[in-house]
Amino acid sequence: MATARSESHVSTGVGPQASFVSTSPEARLPVELWQLIIAHLDDHCFVWFVLRRTSHFFRLVTEDLFARYIFRTCIVRFAGEHAKKLLFLPT
């Protein structure tokens, strides 16, 4: 069951809201520490597609981390013949 903790979203502004913090083992560490651990993982695809699916807590922490830091530095590039058609580039 979800319980409010002293290091909640309201006091720090980071991580999931207090109503979403569970009593699961991963929630025993502060959200900020989990964000540091996840941020140091090199494989962002693993974090987004696998870690998010392990628990509700990890989903909230991972999505918050990606929204705040990782998506801001991402660049999307289109290449190849299909990209030219998609972007309406002159040939």
PDB file of N, CA and C in Angstrom:
ATOM      1  N   MET A   1       0.832  -1.177   0.000  1.00  0.00           N
ATOM      2  CA  MET A   1       0.000   0.000   0.000  1.00  0.00           C
ATOM      3  C   MET A   1       0.879   1.244   0.000  1.00  0.00           C
ATOM      4  N   ALA A   2       0.434   2.287  -0.629  1.00  0.00           N
ATOM      5  CA  ALA A   2       1.221   3.506  -0.719  1.00  0.00           C
ATOM      6  C   ALA A   2       1.144   4.283   0.585  1.00  0.00           C
ATOM      7  N   THR A   3       2.288   4.795   1.010  1.00  0.00           N
ATOM      8  CA  THR A   3       2.343   5.598   2.220  1.00  0.00           C
ATOM      9  C   THR A   3       3.160   6.839   1.942  1.00  0.00           C
ATOM     10  N   ALA A   4       2.836   7.916   2.645  1.00  0.00           N
ATOM     11  CA  ALA A   4       3.582   9.155   2.485  1.00  0.00           C
ATOM     12  C   ALA A   4       4.881   9.055   3.267  1.00  0.00           C
ATOM     13  N   ARG A   5       5.932   9.620   2.702  1.00  0.00           N
ATOM     14  CA  ARG A   5       7.227   9.623   3.375  1.00  0.00           C
ATOM     15  C   ARG A   5       7.700  11.052   3.519  1.00  0.00           C
ATOM     16  N   SER A   6       8.665  11.253   4.393  1.00  0.00           N
ATOM     17  CA  SER A   6       9.150  12.605   4.640  1.00  0.00           C
ATOM     18  C   SER A   6       9.825  13.207   3.413  1.00  0.00           C
ATOM     19  N   GLU A   7      10.525  12.401   2.591  1.00  0.00           N
ATOM     20  CA  GLU A   7      11.171  12.930   1.400  1.00  0.00           C
ATOM     21  C   GLU A   7      10.235  12.820   0.196  1.00  0.00           C
ATOM     22  N   SER A   8       9.121  13.476   0.272  1.00  0.00           N
ATOM     23  CA  SER A   8       8.098  13.378  -0.765  1.00  0.00           C
ATOM     24  C   SER A   8       8.346  14.392  -1.869  1.00  0.00           C
ATOM     25  N   HIS A   9       7.532  14.308  -2.883  1.00  0.00           N
ATOM     26  CA  HIS A   9       7.593  15.195  -4.047  1.00  0.00           C
ATOM     27  C   HIS A   9       7.401  16.648  -3.635  1.00  0.00           C
ATOM     28  N   VAL A  10       6.557  16.898  -2.635  1.00  0.00           N
ATOM     29  CA  VAL A  10       6.245  18.262  -2.228  1.00  0.00           C
ATOM     30  C   VAL A  10       7.469  18.950  -1.646  1.00  0.00           C
ATOM     31  N   SER A  11       8.215  18.275  -0.785  1.00  0.00           N
ATOM     32  CA  SER A  11       9.347  18.922  -0.132  1.00  0.00           C
ATOM     33  C   SER A  11      10.555  19.071  -1.056  1.00  0.00           C
ATOM     34  N   THR A  12      10.788  18.113  -1.934  1.00  0.00           N
ATOM     35  CA  THR A  12      11.974  18.170  -2.788  1.00  0.00           C
ATOM     36  C   THR A  12      11.673  18.584  -4.216  1.00  0.00           C
ATOM     37  N   GLY A  13      10.452  18.353  -4.688  1.00  0.00           N
ATOM     38  CA  GLY A  13      10.112  18.641  -6.070  1.00  0.00           C
ATOM     39  C   GLY A  13      10.685  17.641  -7.043  1.00  0.00           C
ATOM     40  N   VAL A  14      11.198  16.526  -6.547  1.00  0.00           N
ATOM     41  CA  VAL A  14      11.842  15.521  -7.384  1.00  0.00           C
ATOM     42  C   VAL A  14      11.167  14.188  -7.162  1.00  0.00           C
ATOM     43  N   GLY A  15      10.981  13.435  -8.245  1.00  0.00           N
ATOM     44  CA  GLY A  15      10.468  12.077  -8.125  1.00  0.00           C
ATOM     45  C   GLY A  15       8.963  12.005  -8.044  1.00  0.00           C
ATOM     46  N   PRO A  16       8.469  10.816  -7.766  1.00  0.00           N
ATOM     47  CA  PRO A  16       7.026  10.613  -7.712  1.00  0.00           C
ATOM     48  C   PRO A  16       6.416  11.302  -6.506  1.00  0.00           C
ATOM     49  N   GLN A  17       5.135  11.620  -6.611  1.00  0.00           N
ATOM     50  CA  GLN A  17       4.436  12.249  -5.501  1.00  0.00           C
ATOM     51  C   GLN A  17       4.345  11.282  -4.338  1.00  0.00           C
ATOM     52  N   ALA A  18       4.164  11.826  -3.146  1.00  0.00           N
ATOM     53  CA  ALA A  18       4.151  11.005  -1.936  1.00  0.00           C
ATOM     54  C   ALA A  18       3.071   9.941  -1.984  1.00  0.00           C
ATOM     55  N   SER A  19       1.949  10.222  -2.624  1.00  0.00           N
ATOM     56  CA  SER A  19       0.866   9.247  -2.673  1.00  0.00           C
ATOM     57  C   SER A  19       1.232   8.028  -3.514  1.00  0.00           C
ATOM     58  N   PHE A  20       2.262   8.147  -4.371  1.00  0.00           N
ATOM     59  CA  PHE A  20       2.662   7.037  -5.220  1.00  0.00           C
ATOM     60  C   PHE A  20       3.846   6.250  -4.660  1.00  0.00           C
ATOM     61  N   VAL A  21       4.454   6.734  -3.605  1.00  0.00           N
ATOM     62  CA  VAL A  21       5.623   6.062  -3.051  1.00  0.00           C
ATOM     63  C   VAL A  21       5.159   4.823  -2.305  1.00  0.00           C
ATOM     64  N   SER A  22       5.666   3.680  -2.694  1.00  0.00           N
ATOM     65  CA  SER A  22       5.242   2.423  -2.093  1.00  0.00           C
ATOM     66  C   SER A  22       6.206   1.999  -0.996  1.00  0.00           C
ATOM     67  N   THR A  23       5.870   0.921  -0.344  1.00  0.00           N
ATOM     68  CA  THR A  23       6.742   0.386   0.694  1.00  0.00           C
ATOM     69  C   THR A  23       7.603  -0.747   0.149  1.00  0.00           C
ATOM     70  N   SER A  24       7.773  -0.827  -1.147  1.00  0.00           N
ATOM     71  CA  SER A  24       8.589  -1.867  -1.763  1.00  0.00           C
ATOM     72  C   SER A  24      10.064  -1.636  -1.424  1.00  0.00           C
ATOM     73  N   PRO A  25      10.899  -2.656  -1.570  1.00  0.00           N
ATOM     74  CA  PRO A  25      12.321  -2.515  -1.216  1.00  0.00           C
ATOM     75  C   PRO A  25      13.033  -1.374  -1.937  1.00  0.00           C
ATOM     76  N   GLU A  26      12.719  -1.147  -3.212  1.00  0.00           N
ATOM     77  CA  GLU A  26      13.403  -0.075  -3.935  1.00  0.00           C
ATOM     78  C   GLU A  26      13.032   1.304  -3.416  1.00  0.00           C
ATOM     79  N   ALA A  27      11.889   1.429  -2.756  1.00  0.00           N
ATOM     80  CA  ALA A  27      11.449   2.722  -2.248  1.00  0.00           C
ATOM     81  C   ALA A  27      12.103   3.069  -0.915  1.00  0.00           C
ATOM     82  N   ARG A  28      12.913   2.189  -0.377  1.00  0.00           N
ATOM     83  CA  ARG A  28      13.572   2.473   0.899  1.00  0.00           C
ATOM     84  C   ARG A  28      14.708   3.470   0.746  1.00  0.00           C
ATOM     85  N   LEU A  29      15.264   3.563  -0.454  1.00  0.00           N
ATOM     86  CA  LEU A  29      16.287   4.570  -0.727  1.00  0.00           C
ATOM     87  C   LEU A  29      15.605   5.843  -1.209  1.00  0.00           C
ATOM     88  N   PRO A  30      16.208   7.000  -0.981  1.00  0.00           N
ATOM     89  CA  PRO A  30      15.614   8.252  -1.464  1.00  0.00           C
ATOM     90  C   PRO A  30      15.505   8.263  -2.990  1.00  0.00           C
ATOM     91  N   VAL A  31      14.504   8.941  -3.492  1.00  0.00           N
ATOM     92  CA  VAL A  31      14.270   9.039  -4.934  1.00  0.00           C
ATOM     93  C   VAL A  31      15.480   9.653  -5.633  1.00  0.00           C
ATOM     94  N   GLU A  32      16.083  10.649  -5.003  1.00  0.00           N
ATOM     95  CA  GLU A  32      17.237  11.305  -5.605  1.00  0.00           C
ATOM     96  C   GLU A  32      18.388  10.328  -5.827  1.00  0.00           C
ATOM     97  N   LEU A  33      18.581   9.391  -4.895  1.00  0.00           N
ATOM     98  CA  LEU A  33      19.633   8.390  -5.044  1.00  0.00           C
ATOM     99  C   LEU A  33      19.325   7.445  -6.202  1.00  0.00           C
ATOM    100  N   TRP A  34      18.065   7.032  -6.340  1.00  0.00           N
ATOM    101  CA  TRP A  34      17.681   6.177  -7.468  1.00  0.00           C
ATOM    102  C   TRP A  34      17.887   6.910  -8.786  1.00  0.00           C
ATOM    103  N   GLN A  35      17.593   8.203  -8.812  1.00  0.00           N
ATOM    104  CA  GLN A  35      17.802   8.957 -10.046  1.00  0.00           C
ATOM    105  C   GLN A  35      19.284   9.018 -10.411  1.00  0.00           C
ATOM    106  N   LEU A  36      20.153   9.174  -9.429  1.00  0.00           N
ATOM    107  CA  LEU A  36      21.592   9.167  -9.704  1.00  0.00           C
ATOM    108  C   LEU A  36      22.053   7.813 -10.231  1.00  0.00           C
ATOM    109  N   ILE A  37      21.546   6.749  -9.633  1.00  0.00           N
ATOM    110  CA  ILE A  37      21.914   5.403 -10.080  1.00  0.00           C
ATOM    111  C   ILE A  37      21.461   5.176 -11.515  1.00  0.00           C
ATOM    112  N   ILE A  38      20.215   5.515 -11.805  1.00  0.00           N
ATOM    113  CA  ILE A  38      19.668   5.301 -13.146  1.00  0.00           C
ATOM    114  C   ILE A  38      20.364   6.197 -14.167  1.00  0.00           C
ATOM    115  N   ALA A  39      20.687   7.425 -13.777  1.00  0.00           N
ATOM    116  CA  ALA A  39      21.353   8.350 -14.699  1.00  0.00           C
ATOM    117  C   ALA A  39      22.740   7.859 -15.098  1.00  0.00           C
ATOM    118  N   HIS A  40      23.381   7.076 -14.258  1.00  0.00           N
ATOM    119  CA  HIS A  40      24.718   6.576 -14.573  1.00  0.00           C
ATOM    120  C   HIS A  40      24.705   5.299 -15.404  1.00  0.00           C
ATOM    121  N   LEU A  41      23.543   4.768 -15.699  1.00  0.00           N
ATOM    122  CA  LEU A  41      23.462   3.614 -16.595  1.00  0.00           C
ATOM    123  C   LEU A  41      23.700   4.096 -18.020  1.00  0.00           C
ATOM    124  N   ASP A  42      24.554   3.411 -18.749  1.00  0.00           N
ATOM    125  CA  ASP A  42      24.913   3.831 -20.106  1.00  0.00           C
ATOM    126  C   ASP A  42      23.840   3.512 -21.137  1.00  0.00           C
ATOM    127  N   ASP A  43      23.090   2.470 -20.920  1.00  0.00           N
ATOM    128  CA  ASP A  43      22.125   2.000 -21.910  1.00  0.00           C
ATOM    129  C   ASP A  43      20.752   2.622 -21.654  1.00  0.00           C
ATOM    130  N   HIS A  44      20.490   3.763 -22.288  1.00  0.00           N
ATOM    131  CA  HIS A  44      19.209   4.445 -22.093  1.00  0.00           C
ATOM    132  C   HIS A  44      18.044   3.630 -22.635  1.00  0.00           C
ATOM    133  N   CYS A  45      18.285   2.838 -23.665  1.00  0.00           N
ATOM    134  CA  CYS A  45      17.218   1.971 -24.194  1.00  0.00           C
ATOM    135  C   CYS A  45      16.803   0.943 -23.150  1.00  0.00           C
ATOM    136  N   PHE A  46      17.767   0.349 -22.461  1.00  0.00           N
ATOM    137  CA  PHE A  46      17.452  -0.594 -21.390  1.00  0.00           C
ATOM    138  C   PHE A  46      16.643   0.089 -20.299  1.00  0.00           C
ATOM    139  N   VAL A  47      17.080   1.271 -19.908  1.00  0.00           N
ATOM    140  CA  VAL A  47      16.382   1.991 -18.838  1.00  0.00           C
ATOM    141  C   VAL A  47      14.943   2.278 -19.247  1.00  0.00           C
ATOM    142  N   TRP A  48      14.745   2.768 -20.466  1.00  0.00           N
ATOM    143  CA  TRP A  48      13.405   3.172 -20.891  1.00  0.00           C
ATOM    144  C   TRP A  48      12.488   1.976 -21.134  1.00  0.00           C
ATOM    145  N   PHE A  49      12.983   0.966 -21.814  1.00  0.00           N
ATOM    146  CA  PHE A  49      12.114  -0.145 -22.207  1.00  0.00           C
ATOM    147  C   PHE A  49      12.047  -1.281 -21.193  1.00  0.00           C
ATOM    148  N   VAL A  50      13.061  -1.459 -20.357  1.00  0.00           N
ATOM    149  CA  VAL A  50      13.068  -2.586 -19.417  1.00  0.00           C
ATOM    150  C   VAL A  50      12.865  -2.128 -17.978  1.00  0.00           C
ATOM    151  N   LEU A  51      13.681  -1.200 -17.519  1.00  0.00           N
ATOM    152  CA  LEU A  51      13.602  -0.781 -16.121  1.00  0.00           C
ATOM    153  C   LEU A  51      12.245  -0.170 -15.781  1.00  0.00           C
ATOM    154  N   ARG A  52      11.680   0.585 -16.707  1.00  0.00           N
ATOM    155  CA  ARG A  52      10.364   1.185 -16.469  1.00  0.00           C
ATOM    156  C   ARG A  52       9.293   0.135 -16.211  1.00  0.00           C
ATOM    157  N   ARG A  53       9.464  -1.051 -16.763  1.00  0.00           N
ATOM    158  CA  ARG A  53       8.435  -2.089 -16.641  1.00  0.00           C
ATOM    159  C   ARG A  53       8.581  -2.937 -15.383  1.00  0.00           C
ATOM    160  N   THR A  54       9.640  -2.742 -14.599  1.00  0.00           N
ATOM    161  CA  THR A  54       9.857  -3.596 -13.436  1.00  0.00           C
ATOM    162  C   THR A  54       8.930  -3.278 -12.279  1.00  0.00           C
ATOM    163  N   SER A  55       8.607  -1.999 -12.086  1.00  0.00           N
ATOM    164  CA  SER A  55       7.687  -1.634 -11.005  1.00  0.00           C
ATOM    165  C   SER A  55       7.119  -0.246 -11.274  1.00  0.00           C
ATOM    166  N   HIS A  56       6.031   0.053 -10.589  1.00  0.00           N
ATOM    167  CA  HIS A  56       5.402   1.366 -10.718  1.00  0.00           C
ATOM    168  C   HIS A  56       6.364   2.451 -10.226  1.00  0.00           C
ATOM    169  N   PHE A  57       7.071   2.161  -9.156  1.00  0.00           N
ATOM    170  CA  PHE A  57       8.034   3.110  -8.600  1.00  0.00           C
ATOM    171  C   PHE A  57       9.120   3.446  -9.618  1.00  0.00           C
ATOM    172  N   PHE A  58       9.734   2.417 -10.225  1.00  0.00           N
ATOM    173  CA  PHE A  58      10.782   2.659 -11.218  1.00  0.00           C
ATOM    174  C   PHE A  58      10.236   3.383 -12.443  1.00  0.00           C
ATOM    175  N   ARG A  59       9.003   3.119 -12.793  1.00  0.00           N
ATOM    176  CA  ARG A  59       8.402   3.823 -13.929  1.00  0.00           C
ATOM    177  C   ARG A  59       8.326   5.322 -13.649  1.00  0.00           C
ATOM    178  N   LEU A  60       7.847   5.688 -12.471  1.00  0.00           N
ATOM    179  CA  LEU A  60       7.732   7.100 -12.127  1.00  0.00           C
ATOM    180  C   LEU A  60       9.100   7.771 -12.030  1.00  0.00           C
ATOM    181  N   VAL A  61      10.045   7.113 -11.395  1.00  0.00           N
ATOM    182  CA  VAL A  61      11.384   7.687 -11.247  1.00  0.00           C
ATOM    183  C   VAL A  61      12.066   7.820 -12.607  1.00  0.00           C
ATOM    184  N   THR A  62      11.972   6.792 -13.438  1.00  0.00           N
ATOM    185  CA  THR A  62      12.611   6.818 -14.754  1.00  0.00           C
ATOM    186  C   THR A  62      11.994   7.882 -15.651  1.00  0.00           C
ATOM    187  N   GLU A  63      10.683   7.971 -15.690  1.00  0.00           N
ATOM    188  CA  GLU A  63      10.030   8.972 -16.532  1.00  0.00           C
ATOM    189  C   GLU A  63      10.366  10.382 -16.070  1.00  0.00           C
ATOM    190  N   ASP A  64      10.444  10.590 -14.768  1.00  0.00           N
ATOM    191  CA  ASP A  64      10.821  11.901 -14.248  1.00  0.00           C
ATOM    192  C   ASP A  64      12.257  12.241 -14.646  1.00  0.00           C
ATOM    193  N   LEU A  65      13.156  11.280 -14.532  1.00  0.00           N
ATOM    194  CA  LEU A  65      14.555  11.484 -14.901  1.00  0.00           C
ATOM    195  C   LEU A  65      14.691  11.793 -16.390  1.00  0.00           C
ATOM    196  N   PHE A  66      14.017  11.036 -17.231  1.00  0.00           N
ATOM    197  CA  PHE A  66      14.086  11.273 -18.675  1.00  0.00           C
ATOM    198  C   PHE A  66      13.507  12.640 -19.028  1.00  0.00           C
ATOM    199  N   ALA A  67      12.387  13.004 -18.424  1.00  0.00           N
ATOM    200  CA  ALA A  67      11.761  14.294 -18.727  1.00  0.00           C
ATOM    201  C   ALA A  67      12.647  15.458 -18.309  1.00  0.00           C
ATOM    202  N   ARG A  68      13.310  15.336 -17.182  1.00  0.00           N
ATOM    203  CA  ARG A  68      14.123  16.437 -16.662  1.00  0.00           C
ATOM    204  C   ARG A  68      15.490  16.559 -17.327  1.00  0.00           C
ATOM    205  N   TYR A  69      16.134  15.434 -17.663  1.00  0.00           N
ATOM    206  CA  TYR A  69      17.525  15.500 -18.086  1.00  0.00           C
ATOM    207  C   TYR A  69      17.818  14.876 -19.446  1.00  0.00           C
ATOM    208  N   ILE A  70      17.326  13.699 -19.698  1.00  0.00           N
ATOM    209  CA  ILE A  70      17.766  12.954 -20.880  1.00  0.00           C
ATOM    210  C   ILE A  70      17.088  13.444 -22.150  1.00  0.00           C
ATOM    211  N   PHE A  71      15.778  13.650 -22.136  1.00  0.00           N
ATOM    212  CA  PHE A  71      15.089  14.110 -23.343  1.00  0.00           C
ATOM    213  C   PHE A  71      15.560  15.489 -23.775  1.00  0.00           C
ATOM    214  N   ARG A  72      16.044  16.291 -22.867  1.00  0.00           N
ATOM    215  CA  ARG A  72      16.511  17.637 -23.210  1.00  0.00           C
ATOM    216  C   ARG A  72      17.772  17.613 -24.058  1.00  0.00           C
ATOM    217  N   THR A  73      18.533  16.534 -23.964  1.00  0.00           N
ATOM    218  CA  THR A  73      19.792  16.459 -24.706  1.00  0.00           C
ATOM    219  C   THR A  73      19.723  15.513 -25.899  1.00  0.00           C
ATOM    220  N   CYS A  74      18.549  14.982 -26.189  1.00  0.00           N
ATOM    221  CA  CYS A  74      18.405  14.031 -27.297  1.00  0.00           C
ATOM    222  C   CYS A  74      18.303  14.761 -28.631  1.00  0.00           C
ATOM    223  N   ILE A  75      18.869  14.144 -29.637  1.00  0.00           N
ATOM    224  CA  ILE A  75      18.773  14.649 -31.002  1.00  0.00           C
ATOM    225  C   ILE A  75      18.224  13.518 -31.860  1.00  0.00           C
ATOM    226  N   VAL A  76      17.232  13.835 -32.672  1.00  0.00           N
ATOM    227  CA  VAL A  76      16.653  12.842 -33.570  1.00  0.00           C
ATOM    228  C   VAL A  76      17.142  13.149 -34.979  1.00  0.00           C
ATOM    229  N   ARG A  77      17.730  12.151 -35.613  1.00  0.00           N
ATOM    230  CA  ARG A  77      18.223  12.314 -36.979  1.00  0.00           C
ATOM    231  C   ARG A  77      17.518  11.325 -37.885  1.00  0.00           C
ATOM    232  N   PHE A  78      17.150  11.800 -39.041  1.00  0.00           N
ATOM    233  CA  PHE A  78      16.547  10.948 -40.051  1.00  0.00           C
ATOM    234  C   PHE A  78      17.557  10.775 -41.173  1.00  0.00           C
ATOM    235  N   ALA A  79      17.703   9.554 -41.655  1.00  0.00           N
ATOM    236  CA  ALA A  79      18.672   9.290 -42.716  1.00  0.00           C
ATOM    237  C   ALA A  79      18.086   8.311 -43.716  1.00  0.00           C
ATOM    238  N   GLY A  80      18.641   8.318 -44.915  1.00  0.00           N
ATOM    239  CA  GLY A  80      18.233   7.367 -45.930  1.00  0.00           C
ATOM    240  C   GLY A  80      17.154   7.907 -46.846  1.00  0.00           C
ATOM    241  N   GLU A  81      16.767   7.077 -47.802  1.00  0.00           N
ATOM    242  CA  GLU A  81      15.773   7.470 -48.797  1.00  0.00           C
ATOM    243  C   GLU A  81      14.407   7.735 -48.175  1.00  0.00           C
ATOM    244  N   HIS A  82      14.032   6.924 -47.204  1.00  0.00           N
ATOM    245  CA  HIS A  82      12.725   7.112 -46.573  1.00  0.00           C
ATOM    246  C   HIS A  82      12.671   8.419 -45.790  1.00  0.00           C
ATOM    247  N   ALA A  83      13.794   8.862 -45.250  1.00  0.00           N
ATOM    248  CA  ALA A  83      13.833  10.120 -44.517  1.00  0.00           C
ATOM    249  C   ALA A  83      13.606  11.295 -45.463  1.00  0.00           C
ATOM    250  N   LYS A  84      14.138  11.209 -46.666  1.00  0.00           N
ATOM    251  CA  LYS A  84      13.928  12.283 -47.633  1.00  0.00           C
ATOM    252  C   LYS A  84      12.451  12.433 -47.959  1.00  0.00           C
ATOM    253  N   LYS A  85      11.760  11.319 -48.084  1.00  0.00           N
ATOM    254  CA  LYS A  85      10.325  11.371 -48.357  1.00  0.00           C
ATOM    255  C   LYS A  85       9.562  11.895 -47.144  1.00  0.00           C
ATOM    256  N   LEU A  86       9.992  11.493 -45.970  1.00  0.00           N
ATOM    257  CA  LEU A  86       9.331  11.908 -44.742  1.00  0.00           C
ATOM    258  C   LEU A  86       9.504  13.397 -44.492  1.00  0.00           C
ATOM    259  N   LEU A  87      10.700  13.909 -44.738  1.00  0.00           N
ATOM    260  CA  LEU A  87      11.008  15.310 -44.468  1.00  0.00           C
ATOM    261  C   LEU A  87      10.759  16.218 -45.666  1.00  0.00           C
ATOM    262  N   PHE A  88      10.322  15.666 -46.768  1.00  0.00           N
ATOM    263  CA  PHE A  88      10.040  16.417 -47.990  1.00  0.00           C
ATOM    264  C   PHE A  88      11.263  17.191 -48.470  1.00  0.00           C
ATOM    265  N   LEU A  89      12.425  16.548 -48.407  1.00  0.00           N
ATOM    266  CA  LEU A  89      13.648  17.185 -48.872  1.00  0.00           C
ATOM    267  C   LEU A  89      13.754  17.030 -50.382  1.00  0.00           C
ATOM    268  N   PRO A  90      14.243  18.061 -51.059  1.00  0.00           N
ATOM    269  CA  PRO A  90      14.425  17.933 -52.509  1.00  0.00           C
ATOM    270  C   PRO A  90      15.522  16.920 -52.806  1.00  0.00           C
ATOM    271  N   THR A  91      15.335  16.152 -53.857  1.00  0.00           N
ATOM    272  CA  THR A  91      16.318  15.121 -54.216  1.00  0.00           C
ATOM    273  C   THR A  91      17.359  15.648 -55.155  1.00  0.00           C
TER     274      THR A  91
END
